[in-house]
Structure formats: structure tokens, C-alpha cells
Amino acid sequence: MNLTGFKNAEDSEIELLHPLLFSLEDESNGSGAKYVPKANREANVVGRPPGSSPG
């Protein structure tokens, strides 16, 4: 499974990492999912069907 979401660096940037119940990046990597990061605040879509329109 491929997924994306806010990464640890983004959570830390807005001082959100410690109030969270869990880190999506850590949990997905620990469960065998392929976490696909990009630069902070950069749009990142995974799993879009070929030929589908962006956005």
C-alpha cells in the first residue's frame, strides 16, 4: 500500500508532533506501508489512476 500525509518534519514545524496520538509517518513505516514523502507543504498524491485529471 502507498500512502502519504503530513510527515514528522511538517508536524514538528507547526509544533504538532507531541500532541498527536501517533505519527502517521512512523506508524505507516512500521506496518509495512510505503510512506511517500515530499518537501514540506508540497502537494503529493499517490495511487492516482492513469489518465485521471490532476486536482
N, C-alpha and C. Protein backbone atom coordinates (compact mmCIF):
# COMPACT_ATOMS: atom_id res chain seq x y z
N MET A 1 0.85 -1.17 0.00
CA MET A 1 0.00 0.00 0.00
C MET A 1 0.90 1.24 0.00
N ASN A 2 0.58 2.21 -0.82
CA ASN A 2 1.26 3.50 -0.82
C ASN A 2 0.33 4.54 -0.20
N LEU A 3 0.89 5.42 0.61
CA LEU A 3 0.08 6.48 1.19
C LEU A 3 0.95 7.68 1.46
N THR A 4 0.30 8.77 1.72
CA THR A 4 1.00 9.99 2.09
C THR A 4 0.16 10.77 3.08
N GLY A 5 0.77 11.70 3.71
CA GLY A 5 0.10 12.53 4.71
C GLY A 5 1.14 13.46 5.30
N PHE A 6 0.79 14.16 6.36
CA PHE A 6 1.77 15.03 6.98
C PHE A 6 2.90 14.17 7.55
N LYS A 7 4.12 14.58 7.27
CA LYS A 7 5.27 13.83 7.77
C LYS A 7 5.75 14.43 9.09
N ASN A 8 6.64 13.75 9.77
CA ASN A 8 7.12 14.20 11.06
C ASN A 8 7.68 15.62 11.00
N ALA A 9 8.43 15.94 9.95
CA ALA A 9 9.01 17.28 9.83
C ALA A 9 7.93 18.36 9.75
N GLU A 10 6.82 18.07 9.07
CA GLU A 10 5.73 19.05 8.99
C GLU A 10 5.02 19.19 10.33
N ASP A 11 4.79 18.06 11.00
CA ASP A 11 4.16 18.10 12.32
C ASP A 11 5.01 18.90 13.29
N SER A 12 6.32 18.70 13.24
CA SER A 12 7.24 19.44 14.12
C SER A 12 7.26 20.93 13.77
N GLU A 13 7.19 21.23 12.49
CA GLU A 13 7.23 22.61 12.03
C GLU A 13 6.11 23.45 12.65
N ILE A 14 4.95 22.84 12.82
CA ILE A 14 3.83 23.58 13.41
C ILE A 14 3.60 23.18 14.87
N GLU A 15 4.62 22.55 15.46
CA GLU A 15 4.60 22.15 16.86
C GLU A 15 3.41 21.25 17.19
N LEU A 16 3.14 20.30 16.32
CA LEU A 16 2.01 19.40 16.49
C LEU A 16 2.43 17.98 16.84
N LEU A 17 3.70 17.65 16.69
CA LEU A 17 4.15 16.27 16.82
C LEU A 17 3.84 15.66 18.18
N HIS A 18 4.08 16.37 19.28
CA HIS A 18 3.88 15.76 20.60
C HIS A 18 2.41 15.63 21.01
N PRO A 19 1.51 16.56 20.63
CA PRO A 19 0.10 16.37 20.99
C PRO A 19 -0.59 15.24 20.21
N LEU A 20 0.01 14.76 19.13
CA LEU A 20 -0.61 13.71 18.33
C LEU A 20 -0.60 12.38 19.07
N LEU A 21 -1.63 11.56 18.84
CA LEU A 21 -1.67 10.23 19.42
C LEU A 21 -0.63 9.31 18.78
N PHE A 22 -0.36 9.52 17.50
CA PHE A 22 0.65 8.74 16.81
C PHE A 22 1.12 9.52 15.60
N SER A 23 2.27 9.15 15.08
CA SER A 23 2.82 9.75 13.88
C SER A 23 2.44 8.90 12.68
N LEU A 24 1.76 9.49 11.72
CA LEU A 24 1.38 8.76 10.52
C LEU A 24 2.60 8.18 9.81
N GLU A 25 3.65 8.98 9.73
CA GLU A 25 4.88 8.52 9.07
C GLU A 25 5.46 7.31 9.80
N ASP A 26 5.59 7.37 11.11
CA ASP A 26 6.16 6.26 11.88
C ASP A 26 5.28 5.02 11.83
N GLU A 27 3.98 5.22 12.02
CA GLU A 27 3.06 4.07 12.03
C GLU A 27 3.00 3.37 10.68
N SER A 28 2.96 4.15 9.60
CA SER A 28 2.88 3.52 8.28
C SER A 28 4.17 2.79 7.94
N ASN A 29 5.31 3.39 8.25
CA ASN A 29 6.58 2.71 8.00
C ASN A 29 6.71 1.46 8.85
N GLY A 30 6.22 1.50 10.08
CA GLY A 30 6.31 0.34 10.97
C GLY A 30 5.35 -0.78 10.62
N SER A 31 4.32 -0.47 9.84
CA SER A 31 3.33 -1.51 9.49
C SER A 31 3.55 -2.08 8.09
N GLY A 32 4.62 -1.66 7.43
CA GLY A 32 4.92 -2.21 6.11
C GLY A 32 4.39 -1.41 4.95
N ALA A 33 3.65 -0.32 5.21
CA ALA A 33 3.17 0.53 4.12
C ALA A 33 4.35 1.31 3.56
N LYS A 34 4.23 1.76 2.34
CA LYS A 34 5.28 2.57 1.73
C LYS A 34 4.87 4.03 1.87
N TYR A 35 5.48 4.71 2.82
CA TYR A 35 5.20 6.13 3.04
C TYR A 35 5.99 6.92 2.02
N VAL A 36 5.32 7.79 1.27
CA VAL A 36 5.94 8.51 0.16
C VAL A 36 6.01 10.00 0.49
N PRO A 37 7.14 10.48 1.06
CA PRO A 37 7.23 11.88 1.43
C PRO A 37 7.69 12.78 0.29
N LYS A 38 7.38 14.04 0.40
CA LYS A 38 7.90 15.08 -0.48
C LYS A 38 8.32 16.24 0.41
N ALA A 39 8.70 17.35 -0.19
CA ALA A 39 9.09 18.52 0.59
C ALA A 39 7.91 19.01 1.43
N ASN A 40 8.20 19.66 2.55
CA ASN A 40 7.13 20.20 3.39
C ASN A 40 6.18 21.06 2.58
N ARG A 41 4.91 20.85 2.79
CA ARG A 41 3.82 21.61 2.15
C ARG A 41 3.74 21.43 0.64
N GLU A 42 4.46 20.47 0.08
CA GLU A 42 4.37 20.20 -1.35
C GLU A 42 3.26 19.19 -1.59
N ALA A 43 2.41 19.44 -2.58
CA ALA A 43 1.33 18.50 -2.91
C ALA A 43 1.92 17.14 -3.26
N ASN A 44 1.25 16.10 -2.79
CA ASN A 44 1.76 14.75 -3.00
C ASN A 44 0.57 13.81 -3.09
N VAL A 45 0.33 13.27 -4.26
CA VAL A 45 -0.78 12.35 -4.47
C VAL A 45 -0.20 11.02 -4.91
N VAL A 46 -0.60 9.96 -4.25
CA VAL A 46 -0.16 8.62 -4.63
C VAL A 46 -1.36 7.78 -5.01
N GLY A 47 -1.17 6.89 -5.93
CA GLY A 47 -2.23 5.97 -6.30
C GLY A 47 -3.28 6.53 -7.24
N ARG A 48 -3.01 7.63 -7.92
CA ARG A 48 -3.98 8.18 -8.86
C ARG A 48 -4.04 7.26 -10.08
N PRO A 49 -5.25 6.92 -10.53
CA PRO A 49 -5.36 6.08 -11.72
C PRO A 49 -4.77 6.75 -12.94
N PRO A 50 -4.09 6.00 -13.80
CA PRO A 50 -3.52 6.58 -15.03
C PRO A 50 -4.61 7.29 -15.84
N GLY A 51 -4.28 8.46 -16.36
CA GLY A 51 -5.22 9.19 -17.20
C GLY A 51 -6.19 10.07 -16.45
N SER A 52 -6.20 10.00 -15.11
CA SER A 52 -7.13 10.85 -14.37
C SER A 52 -6.62 12.27 -14.33
N SER A 53 -7.51 13.20 -14.20
CA SER A 53 -7.11 14.60 -14.21
C SER A 53 -6.51 14.99 -12.85
N PRO A 54 -5.50 15.88 -12.85
CA PRO A 54 -4.92 16.31 -11.58
C PRO A 54 -5.89 17.18 -10.79
N GLY A 55 -5.70 17.15 -9.46
CA GLY A 55 -6.50 18.02 -8.59
C GLY A 55 -7.73 17.37 -8.17
